[in-house]
Amino acid sequence: MDSYYVNRNPQRNGEHEVHRSICSHLPSKENLIPLGTFTDCVDAIIAAKKLFPTVDGCMYCCYECHHH
């Protein structure tokens, strides 16, 4: 299980990116909103969608939840 976060700042396309705590591309701490601990990014995406209408998994740490 991993801890997941969502970036409070949207990307240029308006999506808020979801990251695992071990991500090498993790935004600065002041821009992170903790989502909780999950077994996979699918549940983290569901949690992030409760906060923001459009979310995406990080290409580096949540590739299976990243819109290709």
PDB file of N, CA and C in Angstrom:
ATOM      1  N   MET A   1       0.846  -1.177   0.000  1.00  0.00           N
ATOM      2  CA  MET A   1       0.000   0.000   0.000  1.00  0.00           C
ATOM      3  C   MET A   1       0.891   1.240   0.000  1.00  0.00           C
ATOM      4  N   ASP A   2       0.433   2.233  -0.700  1.00  0.00           N
ATOM      5  CA  ASP A   2       1.185   3.473  -0.815  1.00  0.00           C
ATOM      6  C   ASP A   2       0.315   4.656  -0.414  1.00  0.00           C
ATOM      7  N   SER A   3       0.981   5.726   0.004  1.00  0.00           N
ATOM      8  CA  SER A   3       0.293   6.987   0.265  1.00  0.00           C
ATOM      9  C   SER A   3       0.214   7.769  -1.036  1.00  0.00           C
ATOM     10  N   TYR A   4      -0.936   8.382  -1.274  1.00  0.00           N
ATOM     11  CA  TYR A   4      -1.162   9.136  -2.506  1.00  0.00           C
ATOM     12  C   TYR A   4      -1.510  10.575  -2.188  1.00  0.00           C
ATOM     13  N   TYR A   5      -1.169  11.441  -3.130  1.00  0.00           N
ATOM     14  CA  TYR A   5      -1.419  12.876  -3.009  1.00  0.00           C
ATOM     15  C   TYR A   5      -1.934  13.400  -4.332  1.00  0.00           C
ATOM     16  N   VAL A   6      -2.658  14.508  -4.267  1.00  0.00           N
ATOM     17  CA  VAL A   6      -3.069  15.190  -5.487  1.00  0.00           C
ATOM     18  C   VAL A   6      -2.492  16.603  -5.431  1.00  0.00           C
ATOM     19  N   ASN A   7      -2.040  17.067  -6.568  1.00  0.00           N
ATOM     20  CA  ASN A   7      -1.483  18.410  -6.676  1.00  0.00           C
ATOM     21  C   ASN A   7      -2.636  19.406  -6.688  1.00  0.00           C
ATOM     22  N   ARG A   8      -2.594  20.366  -5.767  1.00  0.00           N
ATOM     23  CA  ARG A   8      -3.667  21.370  -5.709  1.00  0.00           C
ATOM     24  C   ARG A   8      -3.628  22.308  -6.914  1.00  0.00           C
ATOM     25  N   ASN A   9      -2.484  22.394  -7.584  1.00  0.00           N
ATOM     26  CA  ASN A   9      -2.350  23.236  -8.778  1.00  0.00           C
ATOM     27  C   ASN A   9      -2.612  22.402 -10.023  1.00  0.00           C
ATOM     28  N   PRO A  10      -3.525  22.814 -10.879  1.00  0.00           N
ATOM     29  CA  PRO A  10      -3.798  22.041 -12.096  1.00  0.00           C
ATOM     30  C   PRO A  10      -2.674  22.168 -13.115  1.00  0.00           C
ATOM     31  N   GLN A  11      -2.594  21.171 -13.973  1.00  0.00           N
ATOM     32  CA  GLN A  11      -1.680  21.235 -15.105  1.00  0.00           C
ATOM     33  C   GLN A  11      -2.267  22.198 -16.143  1.00  0.00           C
ATOM     34  N   ARG A  12      -1.544  22.435 -17.208  1.00  0.00           N
ATOM     35  CA  ARG A  12      -2.039  23.360 -18.249  1.00  0.00           C
ATOM     36  C   ARG A  12      -3.378  22.940 -18.831  1.00  0.00           C
ATOM     37  N   ASN A  13      -3.623  21.628 -18.860  1.00  0.00           N
ATOM     38  CA  ASN A  13      -4.886  21.127 -19.425  1.00  0.00           C
ATOM     39  C   ASN A  13      -6.025  21.125 -18.401  1.00  0.00           C
ATOM     40  N   GLY A  14      -5.763  21.605 -17.178  1.00  0.00           N
ATOM     41  CA  GLY A  14      -6.795  21.699 -16.161  1.00  0.00           C
ATOM     42  C   GLY A  14      -6.887  20.508 -15.228  1.00  0.00           C
ATOM     43  N   GLU A  15      -6.153  19.452 -15.511  1.00  0.00           N
ATOM     44  CA  GLU A  15      -6.197  18.256 -14.666  1.00  0.00           C
ATOM     45  C   GLU A  15      -5.280  18.408 -13.451  1.00  0.00           C
ATOM     46  N   HIS A  16      -5.733  17.846 -12.350  1.00  0.00           N
ATOM     47  CA  HIS A  16      -4.930  17.792 -11.127  1.00  0.00           C
ATOM     48  C   HIS A  16      -4.282  16.408 -11.080  1.00  0.00           C
ATOM     49  N   GLU A  17      -2.979  16.377 -10.918  1.00  0.00           N
ATOM     50  CA  GLU A  17      -2.227  15.132 -11.032  1.00  0.00           C
ATOM     51  C   GLU A  17      -2.112  14.415  -9.682  1.00  0.00           C
ATOM     52  N   VAL A  18      -2.327  13.091  -9.726  1.00  0.00           N
ATOM     53  CA  VAL A  18      -2.223  12.231  -8.549  1.00  0.00           C
ATOM     54  C   VAL A  18      -0.841  11.581  -8.547  1.00  0.00           C
ATOM     55  N   HIS A  19      -0.187  11.569  -7.373  1.00  0.00           N
ATOM     56  CA  HIS A  19       1.158  11.018  -7.217  1.00  0.00           C
ATOM     57  C   HIS A  19       1.220  10.059  -6.041  1.00  0.00           C
ATOM     58  N   ARG A  20       2.135   9.079  -6.149  1.00  0.00           N
ATOM     59  CA  ARG A  20       2.489   8.243  -4.999  1.00  0.00           C
ATOM     60  C   ARG A  20       3.540   8.998  -4.191  1.00  0.00           C
ATOM     61  N   SER A  21       3.649   8.682  -2.919  1.00  0.00           N
ATOM     62  CA  SER A  21       4.582   9.384  -2.031  1.00  0.00           C
ATOM     63  C   SER A  21       6.033   9.215  -2.455  1.00  0.00           C
ATOM     64  N   ILE A  22       6.343   8.162  -3.193  1.00  0.00           N
ATOM     65  CA  ILE A  22       7.732   7.890  -3.596  1.00  0.00           C
ATOM     66  C   ILE A  22       8.078   8.483  -4.965  1.00  0.00           C
ATOM     67  N   CYS A  23       7.182   9.257  -5.547  1.00  0.00           N
ATOM     68  CA  CYS A  23       7.378   9.772  -6.904  1.00  0.00           C
ATOM     69  C   CYS A  23       8.588  10.707  -6.986  1.00  0.00           C
ATOM     70  N   SER A  24       9.368  10.534  -8.033  1.00  0.00           N
ATOM     71  CA  SER A  24      10.517  11.407  -8.267  1.00  0.00           C
ATOM     72  C   SER A  24      10.084  12.768  -8.815  1.00  0.00           C
ATOM     73  N   HIS A  25       8.815  12.904  -9.207  1.00  0.00           N
ATOM     74  CA  HIS A  25       8.283  14.161  -9.741  1.00  0.00           C
ATOM     75  C   HIS A  25       7.215  14.752  -8.825  1.00  0.00           C
ATOM     76  N   LEU A  26       7.336  14.468  -7.533  1.00  0.00           N
ATOM     77  CA  LEU A  26       6.371  14.961  -6.554  1.00  0.00           C
ATOM     78  C   LEU A  26       6.456  16.485  -6.457  1.00  0.00           C
ATOM     79  N   PRO A  27       5.318  17.163  -6.523  1.00  0.00           N
ATOM     80  CA  PRO A  27       5.323  18.628  -6.368  1.00  0.00           C
ATOM     81  C   PRO A  27       5.778  19.017  -4.957  1.00  0.00           C
ATOM     82  N   SER A  28       6.011  20.291  -4.741  1.00  0.00           N
ATOM     83  CA  SER A  28       6.416  20.757  -3.418  1.00  0.00           C
ATOM     84  C   SER A  28       5.297  20.486  -2.410  1.00  0.00           C
ATOM     85  N   LYS A  29       5.688  20.267  -1.167  1.00  0.00           N
ATOM     86  CA  LYS A  29       4.733  19.858  -0.122  1.00  0.00           C
ATOM     87  C   LYS A  29       3.563  20.815   0.036  1.00  0.00           C
ATOM     88  N   GLU A  30       3.805  22.110  -0.143  1.00  0.00           N
ATOM     89  CA  GLU A  30       2.707  23.067   0.039  1.00  0.00           C
ATOM     90  C   GLU A  30       1.639  22.939  -1.052  1.00  0.00           C
ATOM     91  N   ASN A  31       1.955  22.242  -2.135  1.00  0.00           N
ATOM     92  CA  ASN A  31       0.987  22.050  -3.225  1.00  0.00           C
ATOM     93  C   ASN A  31       0.304  20.686  -3.178  1.00  0.00           C
ATOM     94  N   LEU A  32       0.626  19.870  -2.185  1.00  0.00           N
ATOM     95  CA  LEU A  32       0.071  18.523  -2.103  1.00  0.00           C
ATOM     96  C   LEU A  32      -1.111  18.445  -1.146  1.00  0.00           C
ATOM     97  N   ILE A  33      -2.126  17.717  -1.567  1.00  0.00           N
ATOM     98  CA  ILE A  33      -3.261  17.396  -0.705  1.00  0.00           C
ATOM     99  C   ILE A  33      -3.229  15.882  -0.493  1.00  0.00           C
ATOM    100  N   PRO A  34      -3.101  15.414   0.749  1.00  0.00           N
ATOM    101  CA  PRO A  34      -3.076  13.973   0.988  1.00  0.00           C
ATOM    102  C   PRO A  34      -4.427  13.333   0.674  1.00  0.00           C
ATOM    103  N   LEU A  35      -4.359  12.209  -0.018  1.00  0.00           N
ATOM    104  CA  LEU A  35      -5.579  11.472  -0.365  1.00  0.00           C
ATOM    105  C   LEU A  35      -5.789  10.267   0.537  1.00  0.00           C
ATOM    106  N   GLY A  36      -4.700   9.727   1.068  1.00  0.00           N
ATOM    107  CA  GLY A  36      -4.784   8.545   1.914  1.00  0.00           C
ATOM    108  C   GLY A  36      -3.884   7.450   1.400  1.00  0.00           C
ATOM    109  N   THR A  37      -4.038   6.270   1.987  1.00  0.00           N
ATOM    110  CA  THR A  37      -3.244   5.099   1.625  1.00  0.00           C
ATOM    111  C   THR A  37      -4.142   4.130   0.873  1.00  0.00           C
ATOM    112  N   PHE A  38      -3.670   3.695  -0.281  1.00  0.00           N
ATOM    113  CA  PHE A  38      -4.465   2.814  -1.143  1.00  0.00           C
ATOM    114  C   PHE A  38      -3.588   1.690  -1.694  1.00  0.00           C
ATOM    115  N   THR A  39      -4.241   0.621  -2.145  1.00  0.00           N
ATOM    116  CA  THR A  39      -3.509  -0.487  -2.737  1.00  0.00           C
ATOM    117  C   THR A  39      -3.121  -0.204  -4.187  1.00  0.00           C
ATOM    118  N   ASP A  40      -3.829   0.723  -4.826  1.00  0.00           N
ATOM    119  CA  ASP A  40      -3.484   1.079  -6.207  1.00  0.00           C
ATOM    120  C   ASP A  40      -3.978   2.487  -6.521  1.00  0.00           C
ATOM    121  N   CYS A  41      -3.565   2.986  -7.679  1.00  0.00           N
ATOM    122  CA  CYS A  41      -3.899   4.361  -8.048  1.00  0.00           C
ATOM    123  C   CYS A  41      -5.369   4.538  -8.409  1.00  0.00           C
ATOM    124  N   VAL A  42      -6.057   3.463  -8.752  1.00  0.00           N
ATOM    125  CA  VAL A  42      -7.466   3.576  -9.133  1.00  0.00           C
ATOM    126  C   VAL A  42      -8.278   4.175  -7.982  1.00  0.00           C
ATOM    127  N   ASP A  43      -8.063   3.657  -6.774  1.00  0.00           N
ATOM    128  CA  ASP A  43      -8.792   4.184  -5.618  1.00  0.00           C
ATOM    129  C   ASP A  43      -8.349   5.603  -5.278  1.00  0.00           C
ATOM    130  N   ALA A  44      -7.073   5.919  -5.509  1.00  0.00           N
ATOM    131  CA  ALA A  44      -6.582   7.279  -5.269  1.00  0.00           C
ATOM    132  C   ALA A  44      -7.226   8.261  -6.245  1.00  0.00           C
ATOM    133  N   ILE A  45      -7.409   7.852  -7.489  1.00  0.00           N
ATOM    134  CA  ILE A  45      -8.075   8.696  -8.490  1.00  0.00           C
ATOM    135  C   ILE A  45      -9.520   8.964  -8.066  1.00  0.00           C
ATOM    136  N   ILE A  46     -10.192   7.940  -7.576  1.00  0.00           N
ATOM    137  CA  ILE A  46     -11.573   8.104  -7.111  1.00  0.00           C
ATOM    138  C   ILE A  46     -11.628   9.122  -5.975  1.00  0.00           C
ATOM    139  N   ALA A  47     -10.675   9.036  -5.044  1.00  0.00           N
ATOM    140  CA  ALA A  47     -10.627   9.985  -3.925  1.00  0.00           C
ATOM    141  C   ALA A  47     -10.343  11.402  -4.426  1.00  0.00           C
ATOM    142  N   ALA A  48      -9.441  11.537  -5.391  1.00  0.00           N
ATOM    143  CA  ALA A  48      -9.094  12.857  -5.923  1.00  0.00           C
ATOM    144  C   ALA A  48     -10.269  13.488  -6.663  1.00  0.00           C
ATOM    145  N   LYS A  49     -11.097  12.665  -7.300  1.00  0.00           N
ATOM    146  CA  LYS A  49     -12.253  13.190  -8.033  1.00  0.00           C
ATOM    147  C   LYS A  49     -13.317  13.757  -7.102  1.00  0.00           C
ATOM    148  N   LYS A  50     -13.225  13.449  -5.817  1.00  0.00           N
ATOM    149  CA  LYS A  50     -14.125  14.059  -4.842  1.00  0.00           C
ATOM    150  C   LYS A  50     -13.716  15.504  -4.561  1.00  0.00           C
ATOM    151  N   LEU A  51     -12.459  15.832  -4.876  1.00  0.00           N
ATOM    152  CA  LEU A  51     -11.932  17.178  -4.643  1.00  0.00           C
ATOM    153  C   LEU A  51     -11.903  18.032  -5.907  1.00  0.00           C
ATOM    154  N   PHE A  52     -11.593  17.390  -7.039  1.00  0.00           N
ATOM    155  CA  PHE A  52     -11.446  18.100  -8.309  1.00  0.00           C
ATOM    156  C   PHE A  52     -12.173  17.334  -9.406  1.00  0.00           C
ATOM    157  N   PRO A  53     -12.815  18.043 -10.330  1.00  0.00           N
ATOM    158  CA  PRO A  53     -13.579  17.355 -11.383  1.00  0.00           C
ATOM    159  C   PRO A  53     -12.709  16.605 -12.396  1.00  0.00           C
ATOM    160  N   THR A  54     -11.501  17.098 -12.649  1.00  0.00           N
ATOM    161  CA  THR A  54     -10.637  16.438 -13.625  1.00  0.00           C
ATOM    162  C   THR A  54      -9.292  16.125 -12.989  1.00  0.00           C
ATOM    163  N   VAL A  55      -8.960  14.832 -12.965  1.00  0.00           N
ATOM    164  CA  VAL A  55      -7.698  14.371 -12.395  1.00  0.00           C
ATOM    165  C   VAL A  55      -7.045  13.381 -13.344  1.00  0.00           C
ATOM    166  N   ASP A  56      -5.755  13.179 -13.148  1.00  0.00           N
ATOM    167  CA  ASP A  56      -4.984  12.245 -13.964  1.00  0.00           C
ATOM    168  C   ASP A  56      -3.882  11.665 -13.099  1.00  0.00           C
ATOM    169  N   GLY A  57      -3.508  10.431 -13.367  1.00  0.00           N
ATOM    170  CA  GLY A  57      -2.389   9.819 -12.678  1.00  0.00           C
ATOM    171  C   GLY A  57      -1.076  10.304 -13.270  1.00  0.00           C
ATOM    172  N   CYS A  58      -0.081  10.448 -12.428  1.00  0.00           N
ATOM    173  CA  CYS A  58       1.256  10.863 -12.874  1.00  0.00           C
ATOM    174  C   CYS A  58       1.826   9.840 -13.847  1.00  0.00           C
ATOM    175  N   MET A  59       2.442  10.318 -14.906  1.00  0.00           N
ATOM    176  CA  MET A  59       3.036   9.450 -15.921  1.00  0.00           C
ATOM    177  C   MET A  59       4.172   8.602 -15.339  1.00  0.00           C
ATOM    178  N   TYR A  60       4.812   9.070 -14.279  1.00  0.00           N
ATOM    179  CA  TYR A  60       5.980   8.388 -13.729  1.00  0.00           C
ATOM    180  C   TYR A  60       5.648   7.413 -12.603  1.00  0.00           C
ATOM    181  N   CYS A  61       4.747   7.787 -11.708  1.00  0.00           N
ATOM    182  CA  CYS A  61       4.480   6.918 -10.556  1.00  0.00           C
ATOM    183  C   CYS A  61       3.105   6.253 -10.580  1.00  0.00           C
ATOM    184  N   CYS A  62       2.203   6.734 -11.419  1.00  0.00           N
ATOM    185  CA  CYS A  62       0.844   6.162 -11.525  1.00  0.00           C
ATOM    186  C   CYS A  62       0.531   5.916 -13.003  1.00  0.00           C
ATOM    187  N   TYR A  63       1.462   5.313 -13.698  1.00  0.00           N
ATOM    188  CA  TYR A  63       1.342   5.168 -15.149  1.00  0.00           C
ATOM    189  C   TYR A  63       0.046   4.450 -15.551  1.00  0.00           C
ATOM    190  N   GLU A  64      -0.357   3.451 -14.766  1.00  0.00           N
ATOM    191  CA  GLU A  64      -1.572   2.697 -15.131  1.00  0.00           C
ATOM    192  C   GLU A  64      -2.833   3.549 -15.007  1.00  0.00           C
ATOM    193  N   CYS A  65      -2.749   4.704 -14.329  1.00  0.00           N
ATOM    194  CA  CYS A  65      -3.887   5.629 -14.217  1.00  0.00           C
ATOM    195  C   CYS A  65      -3.662   6.910 -15.011  1.00  0.00           C
ATOM    196  N   HIS A  66      -2.626   6.932 -15.812  1.00  0.00           N
ATOM    197  CA  HIS A  66      -2.312   8.112 -16.626  1.00  0.00           C
ATOM    198  C   HIS A  66      -3.037   8.012 -17.958  1.00  0.00           C
ATOM    199  N   HIS A  67      -3.693   9.117 -18.358  1.00  0.00           N
ATOM    200  CA  HIS A  67      -4.363   9.137 -19.671  1.00  0.00           C
ATOM    201  C   HIS A  67      -3.296   9.251 -20.747  1.00  0.00           C
ATOM    202  N   HIS A  68      -3.188   8.254 -21.539  1.00  0.00           N
ATOM    203  CA  HIS A  68      -2.123   8.190 -22.561  1.00  0.00           C
ATOM    204  C   HIS A  68      -2.480   9.011 -23.780  1.00  0.00           C
TER     205      HIS A  68
END
